[in-house]
C-alpha atoms as a PDB file:
ATOM      1  CA  MET A   1       0.056   0.063   0.106  1.00  0.00           C
ATOM      2  CA  ALA A   2       1.218   3.498  -0.829  1.00  0.00           C
ATOM      3  CA  ASP A   3       1.075   4.832   2.757  1.00  0.00           C
ATOM      4  CA  GLU A   4       3.292   2.193   4.328  1.00  0.00           C
ATOM      5  CA  ARG A   5       5.864   3.754   6.558  1.00  0.00           C
ATOM      6  CA  ILE A   6       9.169   2.074   5.571  1.00  0.00           C
ATOM      7  CA  GLY A   7      12.726   3.309   5.575  1.00  0.00           C
ATOM      8  CA  SER A   8      15.759   1.766   4.099  1.00  0.00           C
ATOM      9  CA  VAL A   9      19.425   2.891   4.586  1.00  0.00           C
ATOM     10  CA  ALA A  10      22.626   1.513   3.233  1.00  0.00           C
ATOM     11  CA  ARG A  11      25.897   2.887   4.858  1.00  0.00           C
ATOM     12  CA  LYS A  12      29.368   1.945   3.972  1.00  0.00           C
ATOM     13  CA  THR A  13      32.661   3.027   5.408  1.00  0.00           C
ATOM     14  CA  ARG A  14      36.142   1.591   5.862  1.00  0.00           C
ATOM     15  CA  GLU A  15      34.868   0.172   9.121  1.00  0.00           C
ATOM     16  CA  THR A  16      31.362  -1.122   8.487  1.00  0.00           C
ATOM     17  CA  ASP A  17      28.979  -2.087   5.621  1.00  0.00           C
ATOM     18  CA  ILE A  18      25.353  -1.867   6.797  1.00  0.00           C
ATOM     19  CA  GLU A  19      22.002  -2.183   5.244  1.00  0.00           C
ATOM     20  CA  VAL A  20      18.832  -1.544   7.397  1.00  0.00           C
ATOM     21  CA  THR A  21      15.176  -1.609   6.535  1.00  0.00           C
ATOM     22  CA  VAL A  22      12.449  -0.714   9.054  1.00  0.00           C
ATOM     23  CA  LYS A  23       8.752  -0.981   8.704  1.00  0.00           C
ATOM     24  CA  LEU A  24       7.072   1.069  11.431  1.00  0.00           C
ATOM     25  CA  ASP A  25       3.708  -0.696  11.269  1.00  0.00           C
ATOM     26  CA  GLY A  26       5.047  -4.102  11.469  1.00  0.00           C
ATOM     27  CA  ALA A  27       4.469  -7.232  13.589  1.00  0.00           C
ATOM     28  CA  GLY A  28       7.741  -7.271  15.596  1.00  0.00           C
ATOM     29  CA  ILE A  29       9.719  -9.576  13.175  1.00  0.00           C
ATOM     30  CA  ALA A  30      13.494  -9.185  13.211  1.00  0.00           C
ATOM     31  CA  HIS A  31      15.966 -10.426  10.940  1.00  0.00           C
ATOM     32  CA  VAL A  32      19.206  -9.255  12.536  1.00  0.00           C
ATOM     33  CA  SER A  33      22.964 -10.055  11.827  1.00  0.00           C
ATOM     34  CA  THR A  34      25.666  -7.748  13.116  1.00  0.00           C
ATOM     35  CA  GLY A  35      28.353 -10.225  14.014  1.00  0.00           C
ATOM     36  CA  VAL A  36      27.806  -9.238  17.643  1.00  0.00           C
ATOM     37  CA  PRO A  37      25.548 -11.906  19.305  1.00  0.00           C
ATOM     38  CA  PHE A  38      24.538  -9.959  22.520  1.00  0.00           C
ATOM     39  CA  PHE A  39      23.643  -6.895  20.347  1.00  0.00           C
ATOM     40  CA  ASP A  40      21.692  -9.061  18.038  1.00  0.00           C
ATOM     41  CA  HIS A  41      19.652 -10.295  21.070  1.00  0.00           C
ATOM     42  CA  MET A  42      19.113  -6.771  22.227  1.00  0.00           C
ATOM     43  CA  LEU A  43      17.950  -5.681  18.710  1.00  0.00           C
ATOM     44  CA  ASP A  44      15.466  -8.615  18.589  1.00  0.00           C
ATOM     45  CA  GLY A  45      13.876  -7.508  21.921  1.00  0.00           C
ATOM     46  CA  PHE A  46      13.621  -3.905  20.675  1.00  0.00           C
ATOM     47  CA  THR A  47      12.007  -4.861  17.462  1.00  0.00           C
ATOM     48  CA  ARG A  48       9.466  -7.249  19.163  1.00  0.00           C
ATOM     49  CA  HIS A  49       8.411  -4.583  21.701  1.00  0.00           C
ATOM     50  CA  ALA A  50       8.413  -1.708  19.135  1.00  0.00           C
ATOM     51  CA  LEU A  51       6.027  -3.802  16.885  1.00  0.00           C
ATOM     52  CA  ILE A  52       8.107  -2.749  13.945  1.00  0.00           C
ATOM     53  CA  ASP A  53       9.747  -5.174  11.195  1.00  0.00           C
ATOM     54  CA  LEU A  54      13.471  -4.804  11.135  1.00  0.00           C
ATOM     55  CA  ASP A  55      16.072  -6.147   8.867  1.00  0.00           C
ATOM     56  CA  VAL A  56      19.812  -5.512   9.680  1.00  0.00           C
ATOM     57  CA  ARG A  57      22.805  -6.694   8.154  1.00  0.00           C
ATOM     58  CA  CYS A  58      26.248  -5.275   9.309  1.00  0.00           C
ATOM     59  CA  ALA A  59      29.543  -6.507   8.281  1.00  0.00           C
ATOM     60  CA  GLY A  60      32.015  -4.556  10.477  1.00  0.00           C
ATOM     61  CA  ASP A  61      35.616  -4.761  11.853  1.00  0.00           C
ATOM     62  CA  ILE A  62      34.648  -6.778  14.864  1.00  0.00           C
ATOM     63  CA  GLU A  63      38.152  -8.214  14.824  1.00  0.00           C
ATOM     64  CA  VAL A  64      39.054  -4.803  16.267  1.00  0.00           C
ATOM     65  CA  ASP A  65      36.144  -4.670  18.531  1.00  0.00           C
ATOM     66  CA  ALA A  66      32.393  -4.213  18.236  1.00  0.00           C
ATOM     67  CA  HIS A  67      32.331  -0.404  18.844  1.00  0.00           C
ATOM     68  CA  HIS A  68      32.074   0.572  15.020  1.00  0.00           C
ATOM     69  CA  SER A  69      29.478  -2.011  14.264  1.00  0.00           C
ATOM     70  CA  VAL A  70      27.188  -1.054  17.171  1.00  0.00           C
ATOM     71  CA  GLU A  71      27.400   2.746  16.869  1.00  0.00           C
ATOM     72  CA  ASP A  72      27.115   2.664  13.018  1.00  0.00           C
ATOM     73  CA  THR A  73      23.980   0.250  13.227  1.00  0.00           C
ATOM     74  CA  GLY A  74      22.624   2.929  15.649  1.00  0.00           C
ATOM     75  CA  ILE A  75      23.344   5.572  12.870  1.00  0.00           C
ATOM     76  CA  ALA A  76      21.721   3.368  10.148  1.00  0.00           C
ATOM     77  CA  LEU A  77      18.714   2.486  12.235  1.00  0.00           C
ATOM     78  CA  GLY A  78      17.969   5.973  13.394  1.00  0.00           C
ATOM     79  CA  SER A  79      18.278   7.110   9.745  1.00  0.00           C
ATOM     80  CA  ALA A  80      15.818   4.554   8.431  1.00  0.00           C
ATOM     81  CA  VAL A  81      13.325   5.303  11.220  1.00  0.00           C
ATOM     82  CA  ALA A  82      13.441   9.064  10.268  1.00  0.00           C
ATOM     83  CA  LYS A  83      12.849   8.083   6.710  1.00  0.00           C
ATOM     84  CA  ALA A  84       9.946   5.963   7.544  1.00  0.00           C
ATOM     85  CA  LEU A  85       8.460   8.770   9.631  1.00  0.00           C
ATOM     86  CA  GLY A  86       8.566  11.292   6.709  1.00  0.00           C
ATOM     87  CA  ASP A  87       6.995  14.504   7.822  1.00  0.00           C
ATOM     88  CA  LYS A  88       5.583  12.861  11.001  1.00  0.00           C
ATOM     89  CA  ARG A  89       1.894  13.724  10.269  1.00  0.00           C
ATOM     90  CA  GLY A  90      -0.623  12.332  12.682  1.00  0.00           C
ATOM     91  CA  ILE A  91       2.015  10.604  15.160  1.00  0.00           C
ATOM     92  CA  GLU A  92       1.577  10.758  18.897  1.00  0.00           C
ATOM     93  CA  ARG A  93       5.028  12.150  19.078  1.00  0.00           C
ATOM     94  CA  PHE A  94       5.644  11.739  22.758  1.00  0.00           C
ATOM     95  CA  SER A  95       5.875   8.570  24.773  1.00  0.00           C
ATOM     96  CA  SER A  96       7.437   7.009  27.766  1.00  0.00           C
ATOM     97  CA  CYS A  97       7.749   3.463  29.174  1.00  0.00           C
ATOM     98  CA  ALA A  98       8.869   2.248  32.734  1.00  0.00           C
ATOM     99  CA  LEU A  99       9.700  -1.364  32.084  1.00  0.00           C
ATOM    100  CA  PRO A 100      10.597  -3.927  34.796  1.00  0.00           C
ATOM    101  CA  MET A 101      12.869  -6.822  34.150  1.00  0.00           C
ATOM    102  CA  ASP A 102      13.268  -8.735  37.464  1.00  0.00           C
ATOM    103  CA  GLU A 103      15.070  -6.400  39.866  1.00  0.00           C
ATOM    104  CA  ALA A 104      15.739  -3.935  37.024  1.00  0.00           C
ATOM    105  CA  LEU A 105      13.506  -0.838  36.333  1.00  0.00           C
ATOM    106  CA  ILE A 106      14.176   1.342  33.339  1.00  0.00           C
ATOM    107  CA  LEU A 107      12.473   4.429  32.332  1.00  0.00           C
ATOM    108  CA  CYS A 108      12.697   5.521  28.537  1.00  0.00           C
ATOM    109  CA  ALA A 109      11.022   8.722  27.551  1.00  0.00           C
ATOM    110  CA  MET A 110      11.119  10.132  24.092  1.00  0.00           C
ATOM    111  CA  ASP A 111       9.942  12.960  21.922  1.00  0.00           C
ATOM    112  CA  ILE A 112      10.096  12.704  18.120  1.00  0.00           C
ATOM    113  CA  SER A 113      11.163  16.275  18.096  1.00  0.00           C
ATOM    114  CA  GLY A 114      13.503  16.434  15.219  1.00  0.00           C
ATOM    115  CA  ARG A 115      16.142  17.648  17.532  1.00  0.00           C
ATOM    116  CA  GLY A 116      18.050  14.297  18.050  1.00  0.00           C
ATOM    117  CA  GLN A 117      19.760  14.156  21.429  1.00  0.00           C
ATOM    118  CA  ALA A 118      20.228  11.311  24.172  1.00  0.00           C
ATOM    119  CA  TYR A 119      20.465  11.584  27.809  1.00  0.00           C
ATOM    120  CA  TRP A 120      21.775   8.526  29.549  1.00  0.00           C
ATOM    121  CA  ASP A 121      21.612   8.116  33.367  1.00  0.00           C
ATOM    122  CA  MET A 122      22.399   4.446  33.874  1.00  0.00           C
ATOM    123  CA  ASP A 123      25.148   2.777  35.957  1.00  0.00           C
ATOM    124  CA  ILE A 124      26.167  -0.649  34.436  1.00  0.00           C
ATOM    125  CA  PRO A 125      28.101  -2.465  37.161  1.00  0.00           C
ATOM    126  CA  VAL A 126      30.310  -4.433  34.854  1.00  0.00           C
ATOM    127  CA  ASP A 127      32.469  -3.677  31.822  1.00  0.00           C
ATOM    128  CA  ALA A 128      31.412  -6.659  29.602  1.00  0.00           C
ATOM    129  CA  ILE A 129      28.518  -9.106  29.059  1.00  0.00           C
ATOM    130  CA  SER A 130      30.299 -11.987  27.233  1.00  0.00           C
ATOM    131  CA  THR A 131      32.242 -10.258  24.574  1.00  0.00           C
ATOM    132  CA  PHE A 132      29.890  -7.144  24.665  1.00  0.00           C
ATOM    133  CA  ASP A 133      31.384  -4.037  26.070  1.00  0.00           C
ATOM    134  CA  THR A 134      28.546  -2.530  28.039  1.00  0.00           C
ATOM    135  CA  GLN A 135      29.548   1.159  27.243  1.00  0.00           C
ATOM    136  CA  LEU A 136      28.382   0.324  23.754  1.00  0.00           C
ATOM    137  CA  ALA A 137      24.644   0.305  24.883  1.00  0.00           C
ATOM    138  CA  ARG A 138      24.994   4.003  25.492  1.00  0.00           C
ATOM    139  CA  GLU A 139      26.787   4.740  22.217  1.00  0.00           C
ATOM    140  CA  PHE A 140      23.915   2.860  20.289  1.00  0.00           C
ATOM    141  CA  PHE A 141      21.213   4.989  21.832  1.00  0.00           C
ATOM    142  CA  ILE A 142      23.072   8.189  21.262  1.00  0.00           C
ATOM    143  CA  ALA A 143      23.694   7.300  17.642  1.00  0.00           C
ATOM    144  CA  PHE A 144      19.995   6.141  17.211  1.00  0.00           C
ATOM    145  CA  ALA A 145      18.461   9.184  18.844  1.00  0.00           C
ATOM    146  CA  ALA A 146      20.715  11.682  16.883  1.00  0.00           C
ATOM    147  CA  ASN A 147      19.892  10.126  13.590  1.00  0.00           C
ATOM    148  CA  ALA A 148      16.228   9.392  14.196  1.00  0.00           C
ATOM    149  CA  GLY A 149      15.593  12.944  15.200  1.00  0.00           C
ATOM    150  CA  ILE A 150      14.398  11.877  18.718  1.00  0.00           C
ATOM    151  CA  THR A 151      15.102  13.454  21.985  1.00  0.00           C
ATOM    152  CA  LEU A 152      15.592  10.263  24.252  1.00  0.00           C
ATOM    153  CA  HIS A 153      15.990  10.005  27.954  1.00  0.00           C
ATOM    154  CA  MET A 154      17.043   6.684  29.456  1.00  0.00           C
ATOM    155  CA  ARG A 155      17.187   6.354  33.197  1.00  0.00           C
ATOM    156  CA  GLN A 156      17.875   3.568  35.708  1.00  0.00           C
ATOM    157  CA  LEU A 157      15.263   3.605  38.519  1.00  0.00           C
ATOM    158  CA  ALA A 158      16.497   0.308  40.006  1.00  0.00           C
ATOM    159  CA  GLY A 159      18.683  -2.650  39.211  1.00  0.00           C
ATOM    160  CA  GLU A 160      22.020  -4.172  39.532  1.00  0.00           C
ATOM    161  CA  ASN A 161      22.191  -7.043  36.974  1.00  0.00           C
ATOM    162  CA  ALA A 162      23.952  -5.806  33.846  1.00  0.00           C
ATOM    163  CA  HIS A 163      22.243  -8.055  31.417  1.00  0.00           C
ATOM    164  CA  HIS A 164      18.890  -7.050  32.897  1.00  0.00           C
ATOM    165  CA  LEU A 165      19.493  -3.322  32.851  1.00  0.00           C
ATOM    166  CA  ILE A 166      20.649  -3.176  29.363  1.00  0.00           C
ATOM    167  CA  GLU A 167      17.976  -5.516  28.040  1.00  0.00           C
ATOM    168  CA  ALA A 168      15.235  -3.493  29.862  1.00  0.00           C
ATOM    169  CA  ALA A 169      16.635  -0.434  28.196  1.00  0.00           C
ATOM    170  CA  PHE A 170      16.311  -1.774  24.666  1.00  0.00           C
ATOM    171  CA  LYS A 171      12.774  -3.111  25.420  1.00  0.00           C
ATOM    172  CA  ALA A 172      11.727   0.077  27.068  1.00  0.00           C
ATOM    173  CA  CYS A 173      12.945   2.083  24.072  1.00  0.00           C
ATOM    174  CA  GLY A 174      11.147  -0.349  21.777  1.00  0.00           C
ATOM    175  CA  ARG A 175       7.930   0.105  23.698  1.00  0.00           C
ATOM    176  CA  ALA A 176       8.232   3.815  23.774  1.00  0.00           C
ATOM    177  CA  LEU A 177       8.950   4.051  20.113  1.00  0.00           C
ATOM    178  CA  ARG A 178       5.997   1.849  19.392  1.00  0.00           C
ATOM    179  CA  TYR A 179       3.551   4.308  21.094  1.00  0.00           C
ATOM    180  CA  ALA A 180       5.459   7.566  19.832  1.00  0.00           C
ATOM    181  CA  VAL A 181       5.188   6.631  16.237  1.00  0.00           C
ATOM    182  CA  ALA A 182       1.600   5.456  16.464  1.00  0.00           C
ATOM    183  CA  VAL A 183      -0.898   7.363  14.158  1.00  0.00           C
ATOM    184  CA  ASN A 184      -3.797   8.828  16.140  1.00  0.00           C
ATOM    185  CA  PRO A 185      -6.761   9.321  14.007  1.00  0.00           C
ATOM    186  CA  ARG A 186      -7.877  12.210  16.126  1.00  0.00           C
ATOM    187  CA  ASN A 187      -4.889  14.120  14.839  1.00  0.00           C
ATOM    188  CA  ALA A 188      -6.365  13.934  11.418  1.00  0.00           C
ATOM    189  CA  GLY A 189      -3.012  14.090   9.625  1.00  0.00           C
ATOM    190  CA  ALA A 190      -1.792  17.066  11.488  1.00  0.00           C
ATOM    191  CA  ILE A 191       1.781  17.534  12.377  1.00  0.00           C
ATOM    192  CA  PRO A 192       1.898  17.445  16.237  1.00  0.00           C
ATOM    193  CA  SER A 193       3.724  20.762  16.900  1.00  0.00           C
ATOM    194  CA  THR A 194       2.504  24.371  17.238  1.00  0.00           C
ATOM    195  CA  LYS A 195       5.311  25.227  14.813  1.00  0.00           C
ATOM    196  CA  GLY A 196       3.705  23.198  12.122  1.00  0.00           C
ATOM    197  CA  ALA A 197       6.839  21.165  11.424  1.00  0.00           C
ATOM    198  CA  LEU A 198       9.123  18.616  13.243  1.00  0.00           C
END
């Protein structure tokens, strides 16, 4: 159908070669391959809770480390979401989700403002989960928010298990995105801003 909200991005540098396609009005289906298993697991949870369909293929220099692959995937995914949103007519725009995962409780709040920025207030207690550098979670969300044009706040309200904290962050972001990009028929196709543009 002509009004499907789909965005595709191909991004190639000397460090990564990435293709991303996102369908905002999807069913939570993920086909993700980044070469970073824990990150793939996080993107799968993000996708399922966002109720988007997501295809990600990343070939990166993971023999160096996973930094370039994770950050550049955030850039490409954010860019694809921005493309899929178009002029943002009719969307809810604002959303938040407080998501529990066992002892962890994460708050994600977002505004699809066009002013991409991320604020990260989380204390991950270990440096790595398996081979995944836990600092990369923050780098992903910064890149995603900047390129999607989303003001993103991620805050740890409780928790101490690193896996739970990071997984809850990805799922909370997915849930918040799901509601922020939702089209509200009461908006009648209007851009949700007093300025008339986002």
